[in-house]
């Protein structure tokens, strides 16, 4: 195999890795979105049911409240696991880019390749780097979707629980922007239970 063929083979391998990883990313992105959609639907149904009970002066029992919160915690935990999977895929992708390996190969054969050939190879390398940037943008969108979804859900849950608590004579104030970490730890305890 000539040096040029080695370089071409390396580029083909990198493109193939990108294609595989991008498919994984899209699949996980759809799974995360589906989880969020299901969670929002469940949230809407449960909140509407709780509001009807409150309007009829029939607060849900403490046991039902815990069950409801456990459902949300399980769903959020699932989202977090999928987000970790996505992070792993993206880390694999960064490794698969192989830009360092490519540069090492191109440096070894630099003296054997014409300027025209090197320009073509560099163009391909730039395309790979551009794909990497696109992947980073996708990750930013997914992170925003994930964080926004869990925070919105937690805020709605806090409002619901506060309304029920107030109906039971407790004085509760809900502030938007409460730390998600506190809820995550509480969820972990409830899921284990």
Protein backbone atom coordinates (compact mmCIF):
# COMPACT_ATOMS: atom_id res chain seq x y z
CA UNK A 1 0.00 0.00 0.00
CA UNK A 2 1.39 3.37 -1.02
CA UNK A 3 1.61 6.32 1.33
CA UNK A 4 -1.21 8.01 -0.56
CA UNK A 5 -3.39 4.94 -0.16
CA UNK A 6 -2.63 4.91 3.57
CA UNK A 7 -3.75 8.51 3.87
CA UNK A 8 -6.91 7.84 1.84
CA UNK A 9 -7.64 4.76 3.94
CA UNK A 10 -7.28 6.77 7.14
CA UNK A 11 -9.69 9.42 5.86
CA UNK A 12 -12.25 6.81 4.77
CA UNK A 13 -12.03 5.17 8.19
CA UNK A 14 -12.61 8.49 9.95
CA UNK A 15 -15.62 9.31 7.78
CA UNK A 16 -17.05 5.85 8.48
CA UNK A 17 -16.63 6.37 12.24
CA UNK A 18 -18.36 9.74 11.97
CA UNK A 19 -21.32 8.20 10.15
CA UNK A 20 -21.70 5.45 12.76
CA UNK A 21 -21.44 7.85 15.68
CA UNK A 22 -23.85 10.34 14.13
CA UNK A 23 -26.44 7.59 13.75
CA UNK A 24 -26.00 6.75 17.46
CA UNK A 25 -26.34 10.42 18.39
CA UNK A 26 -29.55 10.85 16.38
CA UNK A 27 -30.99 7.68 17.90
CA UNK A 28 -30.23 8.87 21.43
CA UNK A 29 -31.55 12.32 20.66
CA UNK A 30 -34.87 10.81 19.57
CA UNK A 31 -34.97 8.62 22.68
CA UNK A 32 -34.36 11.60 24.96
CA UNK A 33 -37.04 13.65 23.19
CA UNK A 34 -39.50 10.76 23.47
CA UNK A 35 -38.81 10.47 27.20
CA UNK A 36 -39.39 14.19 27.67
CA UNK A 37 -42.61 14.09 25.64
CA UNK A 38 -43.91 11.16 27.69
CA UNK A 39 -42.93 12.87 30.90
CA UNK A 40 -44.67 16.09 29.91
CA UNK A 41 -47.83 14.16 28.96
CA UNK A 42 -47.79 12.32 32.27
CA UNK A 43 -47.12 15.57 34.08
CA UNK A 44 -50.10 17.26 32.40
CA UNK A 45 -52.48 14.39 33.19
CA UNK A 46 -51.41 14.14 36.82
CA UNK A 47 -51.48 17.89 37.42
CA UNK A 48 -54.94 18.21 35.86
CA UNK A 49 -56.17 15.35 38.03
CA UNK A 50 -54.69 16.94 41.15
CA UNK A 51 -56.22 20.33 40.28
CA UNK A 52 -59.65 18.71 39.89
CA UNK A 53 -59.27 17.06 43.28
CA UNK A 54 -58.25 20.37 44.82
CA UNK A 55 -61.24 22.13 43.23
CA UNK A 56 -63.49 19.47 44.73
CA UNK A 57 -61.68 19.87 48.05
CA UNK A 58 -60.29 16.34 47.77
CA UNK A 59 -56.52 16.63 48.15
CA UNK A 60 -54.64 13.54 47.03
CA UNK A 61 -53.35 11.44 49.86
CA UNK A 62 -49.73 11.65 50.93
CA UNK A 63 -49.22 8.13 49.59
CA UNK A 64 -50.47 9.07 46.14
CA UNK A 65 -48.29 12.19 46.17
CA UNK A 66 -45.23 10.05 46.86
CA UNK A 67 -46.19 7.62 44.10
CA UNK A 68 -46.62 10.50 41.67
CA UNK A 69 -43.28 12.00 42.58
CA UNK A 70 -41.61 8.58 42.30
CA UNK A 71 -42.93 8.25 38.73
CA UNK A 72 -41.39 11.57 37.78
CA UNK A 73 -38.15 10.70 39.52
CA UNK A 74 -37.92 7.43 37.60
CA UNK A 75 -38.51 9.23 34.31
CA UNK A 76 -35.94 11.91 35.11
CA UNK A 77 -33.46 9.22 36.14
CA UNK A 78 -33.99 7.55 32.76
CA UNK A 79 -33.30 10.86 31.02
CA UNK A 80 -30.09 11.26 33.00
CA UNK A 81 -28.92 7.77 32.04
CA UNK A 82 -29.58 8.48 28.37
CA UNK A 83 -27.74 11.75 28.64
CA UNK A 84 -24.73 9.88 30.05
CA UNK A 85 -24.96 7.47 27.13
CA UNK A 86 -24.93 10.40 24.76
CA UNK A 87 -21.86 11.85 26.47
CA UNK A 88 -20.08 8.51 26.00
CA UNK A 89 -20.96 8.43 22.31
CA UNK A 90 -19.64 11.96 21.87
CA UNK A 91 -16.43 11.06 23.68
CA UNK A 92 -16.04 8.03 21.41
CA UNK A 93 -16.59 10.33 18.46
CA UNK A 94 -13.83 12.66 19.57
CA UNK A 95 -11.48 9.69 19.75
CA UNK A 96 -12.71 8.39 16.40
CA UNK A 97 -11.95 11.69 14.71
CA UNK A 98 -8.35 10.53 14.60
CA UNK A 99 -7.10 13.98 13.63
CA UNK A 100 -3.79 13.40 15.42
CA UNK A 101 -3.28 10.10 13.60
CA UNK A 102 -4.13 11.77 10.32
CA UNK A 103 -1.65 14.57 10.92
CA UNK A 104 1.05 12.06 11.85
CA UNK A 105 0.48 10.17 8.61
CA UNK A 106 0.41 13.32 6.50
CA UNK A 107 3.62 14.55 8.12
CA UNK A 108 5.41 11.29 7.32
CA UNK A 109 4.48 11.42 3.64
CA UNK A 110 4.48 15.18 3.24
CA UNK A 111 7.66 15.18 1.20
CA UNK A 112 6.23 12.55 -1.15
CA UNK A 113 2.95 14.32 -1.89
CA UNK A 114 2.44 17.19 -4.26
CA UNK A 115 0.98 20.49 -3.09
CA UNK A 116 -2.19 19.67 -5.00
CA UNK A 117 -2.63 16.33 -3.25
CA UNK A 118 -1.88 17.83 0.17
CA UNK A 119 -4.42 20.58 -0.44
CA UNK A 120 -7.05 17.96 -1.24
CA UNK A 121 -6.19 16.01 1.91
CA UNK A 122 -6.29 19.15 4.03
CA UNK A 123 -9.70 19.97 2.56
CA UNK A 124 -10.91 16.56 3.70
CA UNK A 125 -9.45 17.15 7.13
CA UNK A 126 -11.26 20.48 7.34
CA UNK A 127 -14.49 18.70 6.43
CA UNK A 128 -13.94 16.28 9.29
CA UNK A 129 -13.31 19.14 11.69
CA UNK A 130 -16.47 20.84 10.42
CA UNK A 131 -18.45 17.69 11.15
CA UNK A 132 -16.98 17.71 14.63
CA UNK A 133 -18.23 21.26 15.15
CA UNK A 134 -21.72 20.23 14.02
CA UNK A 135 -21.70 17.41 16.56
CA UNK A 136 -20.72 19.85 19.32
CA UNK A 137 -23.65 22.07 18.32
CA UNK A 138 -26.01 19.09 18.49
CA UNK A 139 -24.72 18.30 21.96
CA UNK A 140 -25.38 21.87 23.09
CA UNK A 141 -28.97 21.63 21.83
CA UNK A 142 -29.50 18.30 23.57
CA UNK A 143 -28.00 19.61 26.82
CA UNK A 144 -30.34 22.60 26.70
CA UNK A 145 -33.32 20.37 25.95
CA UNK A 146 -32.42 17.97 28.75
CA UNK A 147 -31.73 20.60 31.41
CA UNK A 148 -34.72 22.74 30.42
CA UNK A 149 -37.03 19.73 30.41
CA UNK A 150 -36.05 18.49 33.85
CA UNK A 151 -36.10 21.97 35.38
CA UNK A 152 -39.54 22.78 33.94
CA UNK A 153 -40.90 19.46 35.16
CA UNK A 154 -39.43 19.96 38.63
CA UNK A 155 -40.89 23.47 38.87
CA UNK A 156 -44.35 22.23 37.90
CA UNK A 157 -44.05 19.40 40.40
CA UNK A 158 -43.05 21.85 43.13
CA UNK A 159 -46.08 24.02 42.32
CA UNK A 160 -48.38 21.00 42.42
CA UNK A 161 -47.01 19.75 45.73
CA UNK A 162 -47.16 23.25 47.20
CA UNK A 163 -50.82 23.62 46.19
CA UNK A 164 -51.69 20.33 47.83
CA UNK A 165 -49.69 21.28 50.93
CA UNK A 166 -51.45 24.65 51.15
CA UNK A 167 -54.82 22.92 50.90
CA UNK A 168 -53.70 20.88 53.89
CA UNK A 169 -53.00 24.07 55.83
CA UNK A 170 -49.24 24.29 55.25
CA UNK A 171 -47.51 27.51 54.21
CA UNK A 172 -45.30 26.68 51.21
CA UNK A 173 -43.54 29.04 48.80
CA UNK A 174 -42.17 27.77 45.48
CA UNK A 175 -39.31 29.60 43.79
CA UNK A 176 -38.40 28.89 40.18
CA UNK A 177 -34.80 27.90 39.60
CA UNK A 178 -34.37 25.61 42.58
CA UNK A 179 -31.25 23.47 42.27
CA UNK A 180 -31.84 20.36 40.18
CA UNK A 181 -29.12 18.57 42.15
CA UNK A 182 -31.28 18.52 45.28
CA UNK A 183 -34.11 16.91 43.32
CA UNK A 184 -31.71 14.45 41.70
CA UNK A 185 -30.51 13.24 45.09
CA UNK A 186 -34.09 12.94 46.34
CA UNK A 187 -35.02 11.01 43.21
CA UNK A 188 -32.16 8.58 43.71
CA UNK A 189 -33.41 7.80 47.20
CA UNK A 190 -37.00 7.33 45.98
CA UNK A 191 -36.00 5.12 43.05
CA UNK A 192 -33.96 2.91 45.38
CA UNK A 193 -36.95 2.63 47.70
